[in-house]
Amino acid sequence: MPIRLKKLIGTVLLIVLVITYAVVATIVAVAQLAESGPLAHFLFFLLSGLLWILPAMGIIKWLILERKPTKP
């Protein structure tokens, strides 16, 4: 796969991941934390703010891995 195409796909995936994750985290927060105190809000947003890094790391790792040339 050409590197430019791979970077384009990775960029689009990261943008989609961040937008989708933010919307889902906000929906869960509104639905579950409406009556909770500030500590519950803080802990939820701290955890959810760090959790998106795991799938993003997988996408970035895929972006930087080089394909090994095949021997004829």
PDB file of N, CA and C in Angstrom:
ATOM      1  N   MET A   1       0.849  -1.170   0.000  1.00  0.00           N
ATOM      2  CA  MET A   1       0.000   0.000   0.000  1.00  0.00           C
ATOM      3  C   MET A   1       0.899   1.238   0.000  1.00  0.00           C
ATOM      4  N   PRO A   2       0.630   2.164  -0.886  1.00  0.00           N
ATOM      5  CA  PRO A   2       1.440   3.391  -0.909  1.00  0.00           C
ATOM      6  C   PRO A   2       1.323   4.158   0.415  1.00  0.00           C
ATOM      7  N   ILE A   3       2.426   4.770   0.824  1.00  0.00           N
ATOM      8  CA  ILE A   3       2.473   5.446   2.116  1.00  0.00           C
ATOM      9  C   ILE A   3       1.486   6.610   2.190  1.00  0.00           C
ATOM     10  N   ARG A   4       1.278   7.314   1.084  1.00  0.00           N
ATOM     11  CA  ARG A   4       0.347   8.446   1.100  1.00  0.00           C
ATOM     12  C   ARG A   4      -1.088   7.979   1.332  1.00  0.00           C
ATOM     13  N   LEU A   5      -1.449   6.862   0.730  1.00  0.00           N
ATOM     14  CA  LEU A   5      -2.786   6.308   0.933  1.00  0.00           C
ATOM     15  C   LEU A   5      -2.949   5.820   2.373  1.00  0.00           C
ATOM     16  N   LYS A   6      -1.905   5.185   2.879  1.00  0.00           N
ATOM     17  CA  LYS A   6      -1.941   4.689   4.249  1.00  0.00           C
ATOM     18  C   LYS A   6      -2.101   5.849   5.238  1.00  0.00           C
ATOM     19  N   LYS A   7      -1.397   6.949   5.011  1.00  0.00           N
ATOM     20  CA  LYS A   7      -1.516   8.108   5.893  1.00  0.00           C
ATOM     21  C   LYS A   7      -2.897   8.746   5.787  1.00  0.00           C
ATOM     22  N   LEU A   8      -3.462   8.776   4.605  1.00  0.00           N
ATOM     23  CA  LEU A   8      -4.804   9.324   4.429  1.00  0.00           C
ATOM     24  C   LEU A   8      -5.826   8.482   5.190  1.00  0.00           C
ATOM     25  N   ILE A   9      -5.739   7.167   5.033  1.00  0.00           N
ATOM     26  CA  ILE A   9      -6.657   6.265   5.731  1.00  0.00           C
ATOM     27  C   ILE A   9      -6.492   6.409   7.244  1.00  0.00           C
ATOM     28  N   GLY A  10      -5.256   6.452   7.719  1.00  0.00           N
ATOM     29  CA  GLY A  10      -5.002   6.603   9.147  1.00  0.00           C
ATOM     30  C   GLY A  10      -5.527   7.919   9.698  1.00  0.00           C
ATOM     31  N   THR A  11      -5.360   8.985   8.952  1.00  0.00           N
ATOM     32  CA  THR A  11      -5.862  10.287   9.388  1.00  0.00           C
ATOM     33  C   THR A  11      -7.375  10.288   9.482  1.00  0.00           C
ATOM     34  N   VAL A  12      -8.030   9.743   8.473  1.00  0.00           N
ATOM     35  CA  VAL A  12      -9.493   9.674   8.489  1.00  0.00           C
ATOM     36  C   VAL A  12      -9.970   8.798   9.647  1.00  0.00           C
ATOM     37  N   LEU A  13      -9.311   7.668   9.868  1.00  0.00           N
ATOM     38  CA  LEU A  13      -9.686   6.793  10.985  1.00  0.00           C
ATOM     39  C   LEU A  13      -9.534   7.489  12.332  1.00  0.00           C
ATOM     40  N   LEU A  14      -8.450   8.241  12.511  1.00  0.00           N
ATOM     41  CA  LEU A  14      -8.249   8.951  13.771  1.00  0.00           C
ATOM     42  C   LEU A  14      -9.312  10.023  13.994  1.00  0.00           C
ATOM     43  N   ILE A  15      -9.660  10.750  12.942  1.00  0.00           N
ATOM     44  CA  ILE A  15     -10.691  11.784  13.059  1.00  0.00           C
ATOM     45  C   ILE A  15     -12.037  11.158  13.396  1.00  0.00           C
ATOM     46  N   VAL A  16     -12.380  10.078  12.707  1.00  0.00           N
ATOM     47  CA  VAL A  16     -13.645   9.391  12.972  1.00  0.00           C
ATOM     48  C   VAL A  16     -13.656   8.828  14.398  1.00  0.00           C
ATOM     49  N   LEU A  17     -12.537   8.259  14.831  1.00  0.00           N
ATOM     50  CA  LEU A  17     -12.433   7.721  16.186  1.00  0.00           C
ATOM     51  C   LEU A  17     -12.669   8.803  17.231  1.00  0.00           C
ATOM     52  N   VAL A  18     -12.008   9.922  17.101  1.00  0.00           N
ATOM     53  CA  VAL A  18     -12.115  10.983  18.104  1.00  0.00           C
ATOM     54  C   VAL A  18     -13.537  11.548  18.149  1.00  0.00           C
ATOM     55  N   ILE A  19     -14.130  11.801  16.995  1.00  0.00           N
ATOM     56  CA  ILE A  19     -15.486  12.356  16.961  1.00  0.00           C
ATOM     57  C   ILE A  19     -16.485  11.358  17.536  1.00  0.00           C
ATOM     58  N   THR A  20     -16.409  10.107  17.099  1.00  0.00           N
ATOM     59  CA  THR A  20     -17.330   9.078  17.585  1.00  0.00           C
ATOM     60  C   THR A  20     -17.159   8.862  19.081  1.00  0.00           C
ATOM     61  N   TYR A  21     -15.943   8.785  19.533  1.00  0.00           N
ATOM     62  CA  TYR A  21     -15.679   8.547  20.946  1.00  0.00           C
ATOM     63  C   TYR A  21     -16.191   9.704  21.805  1.00  0.00           C
ATOM     64  N   ALA A  22     -15.992  10.930  21.343  1.00  0.00           N
ATOM     65  CA  ALA A  22     -16.464  12.089  22.100  1.00  0.00           C
ATOM     66  C   ALA A  22     -17.986  12.099  22.201  1.00  0.00           C
ATOM     67  N   VAL A  23     -18.653  11.775  21.110  1.00  0.00           N
ATOM     68  CA  VAL A  23     -20.120  11.754  21.122  1.00  0.00           C
ATOM     69  C   VAL A  23     -20.632  10.653  22.045  1.00  0.00           C
ATOM     70  N   VAL A  24     -20.057   9.468  21.947  1.00  0.00           N
ATOM     71  CA  VAL A  24     -20.503   8.348  22.794  1.00  0.00           C
ATOM     72  C   VAL A  24     -20.219   8.655  24.267  1.00  0.00           C
ATOM     73  N   ALA A  25     -19.054   9.183  24.581  1.00  0.00           N
ATOM     74  CA  ALA A  25     -18.732   9.505  25.975  1.00  0.00           C
ATOM     75  C   ALA A  25     -19.677  10.567  26.520  1.00  0.00           C
ATOM     76  N   THR A  26     -20.029  11.535  25.710  1.00  0.00           N
ATOM     77  CA  THR A  26     -20.957  12.573  26.151  1.00  0.00           C
ATOM     78  C   THR A  26     -22.355  12.010  26.371  1.00  0.00           C
ATOM     79  N   ILE A  27     -22.799  11.146  25.475  1.00  0.00           N
ATOM     80  CA  ILE A  27     -24.119  10.528  25.630  1.00  0.00           C
ATOM     81  C   ILE A  27     -24.173   9.690  26.903  1.00  0.00           C
ATOM     82  N   VAL A  28     -23.133   8.906  27.146  1.00  0.00           N
ATOM     83  CA  VAL A  28     -23.087   8.083  28.364  1.00  0.00           C
ATOM     84  C   VAL A  28     -23.059   8.980  29.596  1.00  0.00           C
ATOM     85  N   ALA A  29     -22.292  10.050  29.563  1.00  0.00           N
ATOM     86  CA  ALA A  29     -22.212  10.956  30.710  1.00  0.00           C
ATOM     87  C   ALA A  29     -23.559  11.599  31.006  1.00  0.00           C
ATOM     88  N   VAL A  30     -24.251  12.047  29.971  1.00  0.00           N
ATOM     89  CA  VAL A  30     -25.548  12.690  30.175  1.00  0.00           C
ATOM     90  C   VAL A  30     -26.566  11.688  30.703  1.00  0.00           C
ATOM     91  N   ALA A  31     -26.536  10.474  30.173  1.00  0.00           N
ATOM     92  CA  ALA A  31     -27.520   9.468  30.574  1.00  0.00           C
ATOM     93  C   ALA A  31     -27.249   8.901  31.967  1.00  0.00           C
ATOM     94  N   GLN A  32     -25.995   8.721  32.330  1.00  0.00           N
ATOM     95  CA  GLN A  32     -25.669   8.034  33.575  1.00  0.00           C
ATOM     96  C   GLN A  32     -25.268   8.956  34.726  1.00  0.00           C
ATOM     97  N   LEU A  33     -24.757  10.143  34.416  1.00  0.00           N
ATOM     98  CA  LEU A  33     -24.206  10.993  35.466  1.00  0.00           C
ATOM     99  C   LEU A  33     -25.058  12.226  35.759  1.00  0.00           C
ATOM    100  N   ALA A  34     -26.294  12.227  35.331  1.00  0.00           N
ATOM    101  CA  ALA A  34     -27.133  13.419  35.495  1.00  0.00           C
ATOM    102  C   ALA A  34     -27.298  13.803  36.960  1.00  0.00           C
ATOM    103  N   GLU A  35     -27.446  12.838  37.834  1.00  0.00           N
ATOM    104  CA  GLU A  35     -27.679  13.114  39.251  1.00  0.00           C
ATOM    105  C   GLU A  35     -26.436  12.893  40.108  1.00  0.00           C
ATOM    106  N   SER A  36     -25.296  12.631  39.488  1.00  0.00           N
ATOM    107  CA  SER A  36     -24.071  12.339  40.236  1.00  0.00           C
ATOM    108  C   SER A  36     -23.374  13.633  40.648  1.00  0.00           C
ATOM    109  N   GLY A  37     -22.480  13.483  41.599  1.00  0.00           N
ATOM    110  CA  GLY A  37     -21.731  14.626  42.093  1.00  0.00           C
ATOM    111  C   GLY A  37     -20.536  14.961  41.224  1.00  0.00           C
ATOM    112  N   PRO A  38     -19.835  16.015  41.595  1.00  0.00           N
ATOM    113  CA  PRO A  38     -18.690  16.463  40.798  1.00  0.00           C
ATOM    114  C   PRO A  38     -17.540  15.463  40.769  1.00  0.00           C
ATOM    115  N   LEU A  39     -17.370  14.690  41.832  1.00  0.00           N
ATOM    116  CA  LEU A  39     -16.291  13.699  41.838  1.00  0.00           C
ATOM    117  C   LEU A  39     -16.553  12.600  40.810  1.00  0.00           C
ATOM    118  N   ALA A  40     -17.785  12.143  40.702  1.00  0.00           N
ATOM    119  CA  ALA A  40     -18.133  11.127  39.700  1.00  0.00           C
ATOM    120  C   ALA A  40     -17.924  11.676  38.289  1.00  0.00           C
ATOM    121  N   HIS A  41     -18.284  12.925  38.062  1.00  0.00           N
ATOM    122  CA  HIS A  41     -18.064  13.549  36.756  1.00  0.00           C
ATOM    123  C   HIS A  41     -16.565  13.624  36.445  1.00  0.00           C
ATOM    124  N   PHE A  42     -15.805  14.059  37.431  1.00  0.00           N
ATOM    125  CA  PHE A  42     -14.358  14.170  37.240  1.00  0.00           C
ATOM    126  C   PHE A  42     -13.740  12.824  36.902  1.00  0.00           C
ATOM    127  N   LEU A  43     -14.083  11.798  37.662  1.00  0.00           N
ATOM    128  CA  LEU A  43     -13.508  10.472  37.424  1.00  0.00           C
ATOM    129  C   LEU A  43     -13.933   9.896  36.078  1.00  0.00           C
ATOM    130  N   PHE A  44     -15.202  10.090  35.721  1.00  0.00           N
ATOM    131  CA  PHE A  44     -15.667   9.576  34.434  1.00  0.00           C
ATOM    132  C   PHE A  44     -14.928  10.248  33.285  1.00  0.00           C
ATOM    133  N   PHE A  45     -14.846  11.565  33.319  1.00  0.00           N
ATOM    134  CA  PHE A  45     -14.204  12.261  32.208  1.00  0.00           C
ATOM    135  C   PHE A  45     -12.693  12.071  32.203  1.00  0.00           C
ATOM    136  N   LEU A  46     -12.088  11.851  33.361  1.00  0.00           N
ATOM    137  CA  LEU A  46     -10.671  11.522  33.409  1.00  0.00           C
ATOM    138  C   LEU A  46     -10.421  10.176  32.732  1.00  0.00           C
ATOM    139  N   LEU A  47     -11.222   9.176  33.116  1.00  0.00           N
ATOM    140  CA  LEU A  47     -11.060   7.842  32.535  1.00  0.00           C
ATOM    141  C   LEU A  47     -11.406   7.830  31.044  1.00  0.00           C
ATOM    142  N   SER A  48     -12.531   8.416  30.693  1.00  0.00           N
ATOM    143  CA  SER A  48     -12.930   8.405  29.280  1.00  0.00           C
ATOM    144  C   SER A  48     -12.019   9.288  28.434  1.00  0.00           C
ATOM    145  N   GLY A  49     -11.429  10.300  29.054  1.00  0.00           N
ATOM    146  CA  GLY A  49     -10.491  11.145  28.317  1.00  0.00           C
ATOM    147  C   GLY A  49      -9.187  10.447  28.008  1.00  0.00           C
ATOM    148  N   LEU A  50      -8.829   9.474  28.815  1.00  0.00           N
ATOM    149  CA  LEU A  50      -7.597   8.718  28.580  1.00  0.00           C
ATOM    150  C   LEU A  50      -7.828   7.434  27.788  1.00  0.00           C
ATOM    151  N   LEU A  51      -9.044   6.917  27.817  1.00  0.00           N
ATOM    152  CA  LEU A  51      -9.336   5.620  27.213  1.00  0.00           C
ATOM    153  C   LEU A  51      -9.257   5.630  25.686  1.00  0.00           C
ATOM    154  N   TRP A  52      -9.519   6.763  25.054  1.00  0.00           N
ATOM    155  CA  TRP A  52      -9.489   6.812  23.589  1.00  0.00           C
ATOM    156  C   TRP A  52      -8.068   6.635  23.049  1.00  0.00           C
ATOM    157  N   ILE A  53      -7.079   6.788  23.923  1.00  0.00           N
ATOM    158  CA  ILE A  53      -5.688   6.685  23.482  1.00  0.00           C
ATOM    159  C   ILE A  53      -5.363   5.263  23.020  1.00  0.00           C
ATOM    160  N   LEU A  54      -5.984   4.257  23.636  1.00  0.00           N
ATOM    161  CA  LEU A  54      -5.676   2.863  23.272  1.00  0.00           C
ATOM    162  C   LEU A  54      -5.979   2.548  21.808  1.00  0.00           C
ATOM    163  N   PRO A  55      -7.193   2.813  21.290  1.00  0.00           N
ATOM    164  CA  PRO A  55      -7.401   2.547  19.867  1.00  0.00           C
ATOM    165  C   PRO A  55      -6.593   3.485  18.973  1.00  0.00           C
ATOM    166  N   ALA A  56      -6.354   4.700  19.433  1.00  0.00           N
ATOM    167  CA  ALA A  56      -5.547   5.630  18.632  1.00  0.00           C
ATOM    168  C   ALA A  56      -4.107   5.120  18.505  1.00  0.00           C
ATOM    169  N   MET A  57      -3.588   4.522  19.578  1.00  0.00           N
ATOM    170  CA  MET A  57      -2.241   3.955  19.511  1.00  0.00           C
ATOM    171  C   MET A  57      -2.176   2.828  18.493  1.00  0.00           C
ATOM    172  N   GLY A  58      -3.224   2.024  18.418  1.00  0.00           N
ATOM    173  CA  GLY A  58      -3.251   0.943  17.424  1.00  0.00           C
ATOM    174  C   GLY A  58      -3.230   1.479  16.004  1.00  0.00           C
ATOM    175  N   ILE A  59      -3.979   2.540  15.763  1.00  0.00           N
ATOM    176  CA  ILE A  59      -3.995   3.138  14.425  1.00  0.00           C
ATOM    177  C   ILE A  59      -2.634   3.736  14.095  1.00  0.00           C
ATOM    178  N   ILE A  60      -2.037   4.440  15.045  1.00  0.00           N
ATOM    179  CA  ILE A  60      -0.730   5.064  14.807  1.00  0.00           C
ATOM    180  C   ILE A  60       0.342   3.996  14.624  1.00  0.00           C
ATOM    181  N   LYS A  61       0.269   2.912  15.384  1.00  0.00           N
ATOM    182  CA  LYS A  61       1.235   1.824  15.214  1.00  0.00           C
ATOM    183  C   LYS A  61       1.120   1.224  13.814  1.00  0.00           C
ATOM    184  N   TRP A  62      -0.118   1.057  13.336  1.00  0.00           N
ATOM    185  CA  TRP A  62      -0.323   0.547  11.983  1.00  0.00           C
ATOM    186  C   TRP A  62       0.266   1.513  10.953  1.00  0.00           C
ATOM    187  N   LEU A  63       0.165   2.799  11.224  1.00  0.00           N
ATOM    188  CA  LEU A  63       0.683   3.790  10.286  1.00  0.00           C
ATOM    189  C   LEU A  63       2.204   3.736  10.167  1.00  0.00           C
ATOM    190  N   ILE A  64       2.895   3.489  11.266  1.00  0.00           N
ATOM    191  CA  ILE A  64       4.354   3.562  11.210  1.00  0.00           C
ATOM    192  C   ILE A  64       5.019   2.233  10.873  1.00  0.00           C
ATOM    193  N   LEU A  65       4.257   1.133  10.917  1.00  0.00           N
ATOM    194  CA  LEU A  65       4.843  -0.157  10.557  1.00  0.00           C
ATOM    195  C   LEU A  65       5.107  -0.212   9.062  1.00  0.00           C
ATOM    196  N   GLU A  66       6.296  -0.634   8.732  1.00  0.00           N
ATOM    197  CA  GLU A  66       6.652  -0.773   7.321  1.00  0.00           C
ATOM    198  C   GLU A  66       6.474  -2.223   6.898  1.00  0.00           C
ATOM    199  N   ARG A  67       5.991  -2.378   5.699  1.00  0.00           N
ATOM    200  CA  ARG A  67       5.804  -3.724   5.174  1.00  0.00           C
ATOM    201  C   ARG A  67       7.150  -4.295   4.758  1.00  0.00           C
ATOM    202  N   LYS A  68       7.382  -5.530   5.146  1.00  0.00           N
ATOM    203  CA  LYS A  68       8.637  -6.179   4.771  1.00  0.00           C
ATOM    204  C   LYS A  68       8.592  -6.580   3.310  1.00  0.00           C
ATOM    205  N   PRO A  69       9.662  -6.310   2.575  1.00  0.00           N
ATOM    206  CA  PRO A  69       9.669  -6.713   1.166  1.00  0.00           C
ATOM    207  C   PRO A  69       9.695  -8.231   1.035  1.00  0.00           C
ATOM    208  N   THR A  70       8.961  -8.724   0.074  1.00  0.00           N
ATOM    209  CA  THR A  70       8.950 -10.173  -0.160  1.00  0.00           C
ATOM    210  C   THR A  70      10.072 -10.551  -1.094  1.00  0.00           C
ATOM    211  N   LYS A  71      10.660 -11.701  -0.825  1.00  0.00           N
ATOM    212  CA  LYS A  71      11.763 -12.186  -1.657  1.00  0.00           C
ATOM    213  C   LYS A  71      11.199 -13.048  -2.779  1.00  0.00           C
ATOM    214  N   PRO A  72      11.681 -12.845  -3.989  1.00  0.00           N
ATOM    215  CA  PRO A  72      11.174 -13.654  -5.105  1.00  0.00           C
ATOM    216  C   PRO A  72      11.648 -15.084  -5.083  1.00  0.00           C
TER     217      PRO A  72
END
